[in-house]
Protein backbone atom coordinates (compact mmCIF):
# COMPACT_ATOMS: atom_id res chain seq x y z
CA MET A 1 -0.72 -15.36 8.47
CA GLY A 2 -0.15 -16.77 5.09
CA ASP A 3 1.79 -19.64 4.98
CA GLU A 4 2.44 -23.16 6.58
CA THR A 5 2.76 -21.45 10.08
CA ALA A 6 -0.92 -20.08 9.98
CA PRO A 7 -2.66 -21.39 12.87
CA GLN A 8 -5.46 -24.23 12.82
CA ARG A 9 -8.70 -23.88 14.82
CA SER A 10 -11.72 -26.24 15.12
CA LEU A 11 -15.04 -25.48 13.92
CA THR A 12 -18.02 -27.06 12.18
CA MET A 13 -18.71 -27.26 8.47
CA PRO A 14 -21.68 -24.74 9.08
CA GLU A 15 -19.27 -22.33 10.84
CA ALA A 16 -16.79 -22.49 8.29
CA ALA A 17 -19.28 -21.65 5.70
CA GLU A 18 -20.56 -18.67 7.50
CA LEU A 19 -16.96 -17.47 8.16
CA ARG A 20 -16.39 -18.00 4.48
CA GLY A 21 -18.71 -15.37 3.47
CA LYS A 22 -17.75 -12.75 6.18
CA THR A 23 -14.03 -13.31 5.33
CA GLU A 24 -14.67 -12.43 1.80
CA ALA A 25 -16.49 -9.42 2.72
CA ILE A 26 -13.59 -8.27 5.19
CA SER A 27 -10.98 -9.10 2.60
CA THR A 28 -12.80 -6.99 0.16
CA LEU A 29 -13.20 -4.03 2.58
CA LEU A 30 -9.41 -4.21 3.44
CA ARG A 31 -8.31 -4.45 0.02
CA THR A 32 -10.63 -1.50 -1.03
CA GLN A 33 -9.23 0.65 1.70
CA LEU A 34 -5.59 -0.39 0.91
CA GLU A 35 -6.03 0.44 -2.82
CA THR A 36 -7.58 3.77 -1.91
CA HIS A 37 -4.52 4.57 0.35
CA LEU A 38 -2.03 3.53 -2.43
CA GLU A 39 -3.76 5.76 -4.99
CA THR A 40 -3.59 8.73 -2.67
CA LEU A 41 -0.05 7.92 -1.98
CA ARG A 42 0.78 7.39 -5.84
CA PRO A 43 3.04 10.60 -6.13
CA LEU A 44 5.09 9.31 -3.16
CA PHE A 45 5.75 6.10 -4.76
CA ALA A 46 6.77 7.46 -8.18
CA PRO A 47 9.86 5.75 -9.42
CA ARG A 48 11.10 8.99 -10.45
CA ARG A 49 12.01 9.97 -6.92
CA LEU A 50 14.33 7.05 -6.96
CA LEU A 51 15.75 6.99 -10.46
CA GLY A 52 15.37 10.60 -11.81
CA LYS A 53 16.67 11.20 -15.32
CA HIS A 54 17.07 7.33 -15.81
CA LEU A 55 13.35 6.84 -16.63
CA GLY A 56 13.50 9.16 -19.66
CA GLY A 57 11.11 11.38 -21.14
CA SER A 58 10.56 15.05 -20.23
CA ALA A 59 9.17 14.15 -16.80
CA GLY A 60 11.74 11.87 -15.77
CA ARG A 61 15.02 14.05 -16.40
CA ASP A 62 15.00 15.37 -12.81
CA GLU A 63 18.47 15.03 -11.03
CA VAL A 64 17.96 12.76 -8.24
CA PRO A 65 20.98 12.39 -5.71
CA GLY A 66 22.30 8.75 -5.78
CA ALA A 67 20.10 7.92 -8.92
CA ASP A 68 23.33 6.48 -10.71
CA LYS A 69 24.26 4.21 -7.78
CA THR A 70 20.85 3.16 -7.31
CA LEU A 71 20.61 2.12 -10.96
CA ALA A 72 23.73 0.19 -10.72
CA GLU A 73 22.56 -1.68 -7.91
CA LEU A 74 19.26 -2.62 -9.56
CA LYS A 75 21.00 -4.09 -12.50
CA GLN A 76 22.93 -6.18 -10.05
CA ARG A 77 20.03 -7.44 -8.20
CA TYR A 78 18.16 -7.69 -11.79
CA LYS A 79 20.93 -10.09 -13.01
CA GLU A 80 20.63 -12.26 -9.86
CA ALA A 81 16.99 -12.44 -9.96
CA VAL A 82 16.50 -13.42 -13.87
CA GLY A 83 18.24 -16.68 -13.51
CA PRO A 84 16.32 -20.04 -13.09
CA PRO A 85 13.28 -20.44 -13.27
CA PHE A 86 13.08 -17.00 -15.17
CA VAL A 87 15.90 -17.63 -17.67
CA LEU A 88 15.99 -14.16 -19.02
CA ARG A 89 18.76 -11.95 -20.54
CA PRO A 90 20.81 -10.54 -17.76
CA GLU A 91 20.64 -6.72 -18.95
CA LEU A 92 18.41 -4.31 -17.16
CA THR A 93 17.97 -2.15 -20.25
CA PRO A 94 16.94 1.53 -20.52
CA ALA A 95 13.74 0.36 -22.25
CA ILE A 96 12.89 -1.75 -19.50
CA VAL A 97 13.51 1.04 -17.02
CA SER A 98 11.43 3.62 -18.91
CA ARG A 99 8.21 1.57 -18.84
CA ILE A 100 7.96 1.39 -15.00
CA GLU A 101 4.85 3.12 -14.14
CA SER A 102 3.77 4.69 -10.66
CA ARG A 103 0.66 2.87 -10.33
CA ILE A 104 0.65 0.16 -7.69
CA GLU A 105 -1.29 -3.31 -8.19
CA LEU A 106 -2.07 -5.82 -5.55
CA TYR A 107 -2.14 -9.57 -6.04
CA PRO A 108 -3.54 -12.10 -3.39
CA TRP A 109 -0.91 -13.96 -1.36
CA GLU A 110 -1.05 -17.61 -2.25
CA TYR A 111 0.72 -20.60 -1.32
CA ASP A 112 0.65 -24.35 -1.97
CA TYR A 113 -0.76 -26.33 1.29
CA GLU A 114 -0.60 -30.15 1.61
CA ALA A 115 -3.91 -31.01 3.34
CA ARG A 116 -3.84 -34.46 5.04
CA SER A 117 -6.38 -36.85 6.34
CA ALA A 118 -6.52 -40.52 7.50
CA THR A 119 -7.72 -41.57 3.83
CA GLU A 120 -6.02 -38.89 1.50
CA THR A 121 -3.45 -36.03 0.97
CA ARG A 122 -3.98 -33.44 -1.67
CA THR A 123 -1.97 -30.21 -2.41
CA LEU A 124 -4.26 -26.93 -2.57
CA ALA A 125 -3.81 -23.54 -3.44
CA MET A 126 -4.23 -21.52 -0.10
CA THR A 127 -4.96 -17.86 -0.15
CA CYS A 128 -4.60 -15.52 2.73
CA PRO A 129 -7.41 -12.94 2.85
CA VAL A 130 -5.51 -10.17 4.67
CA ARG A 131 -2.40 -10.24 2.67
CA TRP A 132 -1.25 -9.24 -0.70
CA VAL A 133 1.82 -8.68 -3.00
CA MET A 134 2.36 -5.14 -3.97
CA SER A 135 4.24 -4.10 -7.14
CA TYR A 136 4.17 -1.67 -9.93
CA ASP A 137 1.47 -2.20 -12.54
CA SER A 138 2.45 -4.51 -15.54
CA ASP A 139 1.09 -6.54 -18.37
CA TYR A 140 1.67 -9.80 -16.39
CA SER A 141 -0.11 -10.27 -13.20
CA LEU A 142 1.45 -12.38 -10.63
CA SER A 143 -0.66 -15.46 -11.15
CA GLN A 144 0.29 -15.24 -14.72
CA VAL A 145 3.72 -15.45 -13.98
CA ARG A 146 3.40 -18.28 -11.84
CA ARG A 147 1.59 -20.09 -14.83
CA VAL A 148 4.27 -19.07 -17.32
CA LEU A 149 7.12 -20.43 -14.90
CA ALA A 150 5.12 -23.56 -14.65
CA GLY A 151 4.97 -23.81 -18.30
CA GLU A 152 1.22 -23.33 -18.42
CA GLU A 153 1.05 -20.29 -20.57
CA GLU A 154 3.22 -18.81 -23.24
CA LYS A 155 6.20 -16.91 -22.14
CA ARG A 156 6.64 -13.32 -23.23
CA PRO A 157 10.09 -12.44 -22.24
CA ASP A 158 9.52 -8.81 -22.27
CA ASP A 159 6.55 -8.69 -20.24
CA LEU A 160 8.23 -11.16 -17.66
CA ALA A 161 11.39 -9.07 -17.80
CA GLN A 162 9.11 -6.11 -16.80
CA PHE A 163 7.41 -7.88 -13.84
CA VAL A 164 10.88 -8.63 -12.46
CA ALA A 165 12.23 -4.97 -12.62
CA ASN A 166 8.73 -3.57 -11.34
CA ALA A 167 9.15 -5.81 -8.16
CA LEU A 168 12.90 -4.84 -7.86
CA VAL A 169 12.27 -1.18 -8.10
CA LEU A 170 9.48 -1.18 -5.55
CA ARG A 171 11.68 -3.00 -3.18
CA ALA A 172 14.24 -0.37 -3.79
CA MET A 173 11.94 2.50 -3.14
CA LEU A 174 10.93 0.91 0.24
CA ASP A 175 14.43 0.65 1.16
CA LYS A 176 15.56 4.37 0.06
CA PHE A 177 12.31 5.98 1.66
CA PRO A 178 11.26 3.69 4.88
CA ALA A 179 8.77 6.39 5.60
CA LEU A 180 6.54 4.77 3.22
CA SER A 181 6.34 1.61 5.19
CA ALA A 182 5.96 3.37 8.44
CA LEU A 183 3.09 5.36 6.95
CA LEU A 184 1.34 2.15 5.94
CA SER A 185 2.04 0.74 9.39
CA ASP A 186 0.25 3.84 10.91
CA LEU A 187 -2.65 2.88 8.63
CA ARG A 188 -2.68 -0.66 9.96
CA PHE A 189 -1.06 -2.47 7.08
CA GLU A 190 2.46 -3.99 7.57
CA VAL A 191 5.06 -4.27 4.75
CA GLY A 192 7.26 -7.06 4.56
CA ILE A 193 9.88 -8.57 2.00
CA GLU A 194 9.68 -12.31 0.88
CA THR A 195 10.44 -14.73 -1.60
CA GLU A 196 8.07 -17.20 -2.88
CA HIS A 197 8.63 -20.79 -3.83
CA GLY A 198 8.59 -21.07 -7.47
CA LEU A 199 9.91 -17.42 -8.19
CA GLY A 200 13.65 -18.07 -7.44
CA ARG A 201 15.50 -15.26 -5.81
CA LEU A 202 12.98 -12.43 -6.87
CA PRO A 203 11.91 -10.42 -3.55
CA LEU A 204 8.39 -9.69 -3.43
CA VAL A 205 6.95 -6.63 -1.38
CA THR A 206 4.20 -7.84 0.79
CA VAL A 207 1.44 -5.89 2.61
CA SER A 208 -0.64 -7.43 5.45
CA SER A 209 -3.39 -6.20 7.46
CA ASN A 210 -3.05 -6.34 11.33
CA LEU A 211 -6.10 -8.72 11.32
CA THR A 212 -4.99 -12.12 11.12
CA SER A 213 -6.32 -15.53 9.69
CA PHE A 214 -6.23 -19.32 10.43
CA ARG A 215 -7.04 -22.41 8.64
CA PRO A 216 -9.68 -24.97 9.89
CA PRO A 217 -8.60 -28.57 10.32
CA ASP A 218 -7.38 -30.42 7.26
CA GLU A 219 -10.33 -32.82 7.29
CA LEU A 220 -12.85 -30.08 6.90
CA ILE A 221 -10.69 -28.41 4.14
CA LEU A 222 -10.56 -31.65 2.09
CA THR A 223 -14.30 -32.05 2.48
CA ALA A 224 -15.07 -28.51 1.48
CA THR A 225 -12.82 -28.69 -1.50
CA GLY A 226 -14.17 -32.18 -2.42
CA PHE A 227 -17.77 -30.73 -2.60
CA SER A 228 -16.67 -27.85 -4.58
CA GLY A 229 -14.47 -29.68 -7.02
CA VAL A 230 -11.70 -26.70 -6.82
CA ALA A 231 -8.32 -27.40 -5.31
CA ALA A 232 -8.33 -24.06 -3.53
CA PHE A 233 -9.27 -22.64 -0.20
CA ILE A 234 -9.06 -19.46 1.66
CA GLU A 235 -7.96 -18.79 5.26
CA LEU A 236 -10.67 -17.52 7.41
CA VAL A 237 -11.13 -14.59 10.04
CA ASP A 238 -13.23 -14.63 12.91
CA ARG A 239 -14.74 -12.40 15.32
CA ASP A 240 -12.06 -12.56 17.96
CA ALA A 241 -9.45 -11.62 15.59
CA VAL A 242 -11.36 -8.46 14.76
CA ARG A 243 -11.83 -7.59 18.53
CA GLY A 244 -7.89 -7.98 19.04
CA LEU A 245 -7.13 -5.84 16.09
CA ARG A 246 -3.65 -4.19 16.87
CA ASP A 247 -3.38 -0.31 16.80
CA PRO A 248 0.22 0.76 16.38
CA LEU A 249 -0.49 4.13 17.74
CA ARG A 250 -2.22 2.83 21.01
CA GLU A 251 0.73 0.34 21.53
CA ARG A 252 3.46 3.20 21.24
CA LEU A 253 1.41 5.22 23.61
CA GLY A 254 1.15 2.59 25.97
CA GLN A 255 4.75 2.10 25.82
CA VAL A 256 5.36 5.73 26.77
CA LEU A 257 2.98 5.43 29.53
CA GLY A 258 4.49 2.24 30.89
């Protein structure tokens, strides 16, 4: 889970503190594993497989069936995505396309959460420890893009345009080659396409572990963030979730066996 629908579960402050440390360790382990998988699979995610000669350069002059149509569709999606709040020029130029690299970056999945108690209401930045946004590497990170669109950081239109294009090309890659999502699913990571509040119509590729997370009660969250002085919290993972971890292959075999 990683949004307003994440389940809540009661626990004490000492239990939450213990789970916080274990959650961070689990999240680091899963992210490292996912990064290793993605680096191994980098040739399969190469944008050249999708756009061929349109990437430019000697390495990108391959003739790829359907590349012209794919580029035309990308240009239309780009035009739709760069309206508010991005407010960028609507043309997906060859210069933007040619800068798309094959290396994939992972960004934490974050969302605003309104925690409430009998005495206060506070909006916090909530992070899901088992879910990430996946995109081709660019000079802007996802958190920087959020700050730029919120007016908290200087806007660099070229880098912002590159971030949008990278996200759209990765989404197109997964549409064109669904076996990539199936392969990650076999590795116990599920791929999804979502939009995020504040990023307009830009589709983001998300990748999640089969391991789920939960939020403690709002009162505990407010107390913990009050002590830390930081308006941010991370969902927690517990032992029951680890014990119940889904195995896609086992589930398919079970279906065959009835």
